């Protein structure tokens, strides 16, 4: 592969047909990265233990809502389809 070929393939992602889905995907990645959700989950045990919350309670406070959100997203994607959500 030559650099010009690779650049051409990368620029194809931003053609009129695919620009909106690509930008939505990049935007979602950006929002996920900067929302701090992974940081909350990683540091939750040490932060919440300072408030006297046990690890078992932490599962209910952080883990269950995270699981429910993931399941809800999967159900909605299966019901509506991925394509309508991106268009």
N, C-alpha and C. Protein backbone atom coordinates (compact mmCIF):
# COMPACT_ATOMS: atom_id res chain seq x y z
N UNK A 1 0.83 -1.18 0.00
CA UNK A 1 0.00 0.00 0.00
C UNK A 1 0.87 1.24 0.00
N UNK A 2 0.48 2.15 -0.80
CA UNK A 2 1.19 3.41 -0.84
C UNK A 2 0.42 4.45 -0.03
N UNK A 3 1.13 5.48 0.37
CA UNK A 3 0.51 6.50 1.21
C UNK A 3 -0.68 7.15 0.52
N UNK A 4 -0.59 7.36 -0.78
CA UNK A 4 -1.69 8.00 -1.50
C UNK A 4 -2.92 7.09 -1.53
N UNK A 5 -2.71 5.76 -1.61
CA UNK A 5 -3.84 4.84 -1.60
C UNK A 5 -4.52 4.84 -0.23
N UNK A 6 -3.73 4.84 0.83
CA UNK A 6 -4.28 4.85 2.18
C UNK A 6 -5.05 6.14 2.42
N UNK A 7 -4.48 7.25 2.02
CA UNK A 7 -5.16 8.54 2.18
C UNK A 7 -6.47 8.56 1.40
N UNK A 8 -6.47 7.97 0.22
CA UNK A 8 -7.70 7.90 -0.57
C UNK A 8 -8.77 7.10 0.13
N UNK A 9 -8.41 5.98 0.76
CA UNK A 9 -9.38 5.17 1.49
C UNK A 9 -9.90 5.89 2.73
N UNK A 10 -9.04 6.61 3.40
CA UNK A 10 -9.47 7.37 4.58
C UNK A 10 -10.43 8.48 4.16
N UNK A 11 -10.14 9.15 3.08
CA UNK A 11 -11.01 10.23 2.61
C UNK A 11 -12.34 9.69 2.10
N UNK A 12 -12.38 8.43 1.65
CA UNK A 12 -13.65 7.82 1.23
C UNK A 12 -14.65 7.75 2.38
N UNK A 13 -14.16 7.69 3.61
CA UNK A 13 -15.06 7.65 4.76
C UNK A 13 -15.89 8.92 4.86
N UNK A 14 -15.40 10.00 4.31
CA UNK A 14 -16.08 11.28 4.43
C UNK A 14 -16.77 11.70 3.14
N UNK A 15 -17.11 10.72 2.31
CA UNK A 15 -17.89 11.04 1.11
C UNK A 15 -19.30 11.44 1.53
N UNK A 16 -20.07 11.99 0.61
CA UNK A 16 -21.42 12.45 0.94
C UNK A 16 -22.28 11.34 1.53
N UNK A 17 -22.09 10.13 1.04
CA UNK A 17 -22.93 9.00 1.47
C UNK A 17 -22.63 8.56 2.90
N UNK A 18 -21.38 8.62 3.30
CA UNK A 18 -20.98 8.07 4.60
C UNK A 18 -20.60 9.12 5.63
N UNK A 19 -20.64 10.38 5.26
CA UNK A 19 -20.17 11.43 6.17
C UNK A 19 -20.97 11.45 7.47
N UNK A 20 -22.29 11.44 7.39
CA UNK A 20 -23.12 11.56 8.60
C UNK A 20 -22.93 10.38 9.56
N UNK A 21 -23.01 9.11 9.08
CA UNK A 21 -22.77 8.01 10.02
C UNK A 21 -21.38 8.02 10.65
N UNK A 22 -20.38 8.40 9.86
CA UNK A 22 -19.01 8.45 10.41
C UNK A 22 -18.91 9.54 11.47
N UNK A 23 -19.48 10.70 11.21
CA UNK A 23 -19.42 11.78 12.20
C UNK A 23 -20.22 11.44 13.45
N UNK A 24 -21.34 10.76 13.30
CA UNK A 24 -22.11 10.32 14.47
C UNK A 24 -21.29 9.34 15.30
N UNK A 25 -20.66 8.39 14.62
CA UNK A 25 -19.82 7.41 15.34
C UNK A 25 -18.65 8.06 16.05
N UNK A 26 -17.98 8.98 15.36
CA UNK A 26 -16.86 9.69 15.99
C UNK A 26 -17.34 10.55 17.16
N UNK A 27 -18.50 11.18 16.98
CA UNK A 27 -19.05 11.99 18.06
C UNK A 27 -19.40 11.17 19.29
N UNK A 28 -19.98 9.99 19.06
CA UNK A 28 -20.29 9.11 20.18
C UNK A 28 -19.03 8.63 20.90
N UNK A 29 -18.00 8.32 20.13
CA UNK A 29 -16.73 7.94 20.75
C UNK A 29 -16.16 9.08 21.58
N UNK A 30 -16.22 10.28 21.04
CA UNK A 30 -15.73 11.46 21.75
C UNK A 30 -16.51 11.67 23.04
N UNK A 31 -17.84 11.62 22.96
CA UNK A 31 -18.67 11.84 24.15
C UNK A 31 -18.44 10.76 25.21
N UNK A 32 -18.27 9.52 24.76
CA UNK A 32 -18.00 8.44 25.70
C UNK A 32 -16.66 8.65 26.40
N UNK A 33 -15.66 9.03 25.63
CA UNK A 33 -14.33 9.21 26.21
C UNK A 33 -14.29 10.37 27.20
N UNK A 34 -15.00 11.44 26.90
CA UNK A 34 -14.93 12.62 27.75
C UNK A 34 -16.06 12.74 28.76
N UNK A 35 -16.95 11.75 28.80
CA UNK A 35 -18.02 11.79 29.81
C UNK A 35 -17.51 11.35 31.18
N UNK A 36 -16.42 10.59 31.18
CA UNK A 36 -15.86 10.15 32.44
C UNK A 36 -16.48 8.87 32.98
N UNK A 37 -17.30 8.20 32.19
CA UNK A 37 -17.96 7.00 32.70
C UNK A 37 -16.96 5.90 33.04
N UNK A 38 -15.94 5.73 32.22
CA UNK A 38 -14.94 4.70 32.53
C UNK A 38 -14.14 5.07 33.77
N UNK A 39 -13.87 6.34 33.94
CA UNK A 39 -13.16 6.80 35.13
C UNK A 39 -13.99 6.56 36.37
N UNK A 40 -15.28 6.84 36.28
CA UNK A 40 -16.17 6.60 37.41
C UNK A 40 -16.16 5.13 37.80
N UNK A 41 -16.27 4.26 36.83
CA UNK A 41 -16.30 2.83 37.13
C UNK A 41 -14.96 2.38 37.70
N UNK A 42 -13.86 2.89 37.17
CA UNK A 42 -12.54 2.48 37.64
C UNK A 42 -12.28 2.93 39.08
N UNK A 43 -12.62 4.18 39.39
CA UNK A 43 -12.32 4.73 40.70
C UNK A 43 -13.49 4.66 41.68
N UNK A 44 -14.60 4.08 41.28
CA UNK A 44 -15.81 4.09 42.11
C UNK A 44 -15.59 3.46 43.47
N UNK A 45 -14.88 2.35 43.52
CA UNK A 45 -14.71 1.67 44.81
C UNK A 45 -13.95 2.54 45.80
N UNK A 46 -12.89 3.21 45.35
CA UNK A 46 -12.13 4.04 46.29
C UNK A 46 -12.87 5.32 46.65
N UNK A 47 -13.58 5.91 45.70
CA UNK A 47 -14.31 7.15 45.99
C UNK A 47 -15.49 6.88 46.91
N UNK A 48 -16.29 5.89 46.58
CA UNK A 48 -17.48 5.63 47.37
C UNK A 48 -17.17 4.99 48.72
N UNK A 49 -16.03 4.32 48.85
CA UNK A 49 -15.67 3.76 50.16
C UNK A 49 -15.40 4.88 51.17
N UNK A 50 -14.97 6.04 50.69
CA UNK A 50 -14.78 7.18 51.57
C UNK A 50 -16.10 7.67 52.17
N UNK A 51 -17.19 7.38 51.49
CA UNK A 51 -18.52 7.76 51.98
C UNK A 51 -19.19 6.64 52.77
N UNK A 52 -18.46 5.55 52.97
CA UNK A 52 -19.00 4.44 53.75
C UNK A 52 -19.86 3.47 52.95
N UNK A 53 -19.79 3.52 51.64
CA UNK A 53 -20.56 2.60 50.80
C UNK A 53 -19.72 1.36 50.54
N UNK A 54 -20.31 0.20 50.77
CA UNK A 54 -19.58 -1.05 50.60
C UNK A 54 -19.51 -1.43 49.13
N UNK A 55 -18.64 -2.38 48.82
CA UNK A 55 -18.48 -2.84 47.44
C UNK A 55 -19.76 -3.48 46.92
N UNK A 56 -20.49 -4.15 47.80
CA UNK A 56 -21.74 -4.78 47.38
C UNK A 56 -22.78 -3.71 47.02
N UNK A 57 -22.85 -2.64 47.80
CA UNK A 57 -23.77 -1.55 47.47
C UNK A 57 -23.33 -0.85 46.18
N UNK A 58 -22.03 -0.82 45.96
CA UNK A 58 -21.51 -0.17 44.78
C UNK A 58 -21.95 -0.88 43.51
N UNK A 59 -22.07 -2.19 43.57
CA UNK A 59 -22.56 -2.94 42.41
C UNK A 59 -23.94 -2.43 42.02
N UNK A 60 -24.78 -2.18 43.01
CA UNK A 60 -26.13 -1.70 42.73
C UNK A 60 -26.14 -0.25 42.26
N UNK A 61 -25.22 0.56 42.75
CA UNK A 61 -25.20 1.98 42.39
C UNK A 61 -24.58 2.25 41.02
N UNK A 62 -23.58 1.45 40.66
CA UNK A 62 -22.86 1.72 39.42
C UNK A 62 -23.04 0.61 38.40
N UNK A 63 -22.89 -0.62 38.84
CA UNK A 63 -22.91 -1.74 37.91
C UNK A 63 -24.27 -2.01 37.28
N UNK A 64 -25.32 -2.00 38.08
CA UNK A 64 -26.65 -2.31 37.56
C UNK A 64 -27.13 -1.25 36.57
N UNK A 65 -27.01 0.06 36.87
CA UNK A 65 -27.40 1.04 35.84
C UNK A 65 -26.58 0.92 34.55
N UNK A 66 -25.31 0.59 34.68
CA UNK A 66 -24.48 0.40 33.50
C UNK A 66 -24.98 -0.78 32.68
N UNK A 67 -25.31 -1.88 33.35
CA UNK A 67 -25.84 -3.06 32.67
C UNK A 67 -27.19 -2.75 32.02
N UNK A 68 -28.07 -2.07 32.73
CA UNK A 68 -29.39 -1.74 32.18
C UNK A 68 -29.29 -0.82 30.96
N UNK A 69 -28.37 0.11 31.00
CA UNK A 69 -28.16 0.99 29.85
C UNK A 69 -27.65 0.22 28.64
N UNK A 70 -26.75 -0.72 28.86
CA UNK A 70 -26.24 -1.53 27.75
C UNK A 70 -27.34 -2.41 27.16
N UNK A 71 -28.14 -3.03 28.02
CA UNK A 71 -29.24 -3.88 27.54
C UNK A 71 -30.27 -3.04 26.79
N UNK A 72 -30.59 -1.87 27.31
CA UNK A 72 -31.55 -0.99 26.63
C UNK A 72 -31.03 -0.59 25.25
N UNK A 73 -29.75 -0.28 25.15
CA UNK A 73 -29.17 0.08 23.85
C UNK A 73 -29.24 -1.09 22.88
N UNK A 74 -28.96 -2.29 23.35
CA UNK A 74 -29.04 -3.46 22.47
C UNK A 74 -30.47 -3.71 21.99
N UNK A 75 -31.43 -3.58 22.90
CA UNK A 75 -32.83 -3.80 22.53
C UNK A 75 -33.27 -2.77 21.50
N UNK A 76 -32.92 -1.51 21.71
CA UNK A 76 -33.31 -0.46 20.78
C UNK A 76 -32.65 -0.65 19.41
N UNK A 77 -31.39 -1.06 19.41
CA UNK A 77 -30.72 -1.29 18.13
C UNK A 77 -31.36 -2.45 17.39
N UNK A 78 -31.74 -3.51 18.10
CA UNK A 78 -32.39 -4.63 17.45
C UNK A 78 -33.79 -4.27 16.97
N UNK A 79 -34.49 -3.46 17.72
CA UNK A 79 -35.86 -3.09 17.35
C UNK A 79 -35.86 -2.11 16.18
N UNK A 80 -35.06 -1.08 16.24
CA UNK A 80 -35.08 -0.03 15.22
C UNK A 80 -34.09 -0.29 14.10
N UNK A 81 -33.07 -1.07 14.35
CA UNK A 81 -32.03 -1.32 13.36
C UNK A 81 -30.94 -0.27 13.46
N UNK A 82 -29.74 -0.67 13.06
CA UNK A 82 -28.62 0.26 13.16
C UNK A 82 -28.71 1.36 12.12
N UNK A 83 -29.16 1.04 10.94
CA UNK A 83 -29.20 2.03 9.87
C UNK A 83 -30.12 3.21 10.18
N UNK A 84 -31.37 2.99 10.63
CA UNK A 84 -32.21 4.15 10.95
C UNK A 84 -31.64 5.01 12.08
N UNK A 85 -30.91 4.41 12.99
CA UNK A 85 -30.34 5.20 14.08
C UNK A 85 -29.22 6.10 13.60
N UNK A 86 -28.58 5.74 12.50
CA UNK A 86 -27.48 6.53 11.97
C UNK A 86 -27.90 7.49 10.87
N UNK A 87 -29.13 7.39 10.40
CA UNK A 87 -29.56 8.28 9.31
C UNK A 87 -30.53 9.31 9.81
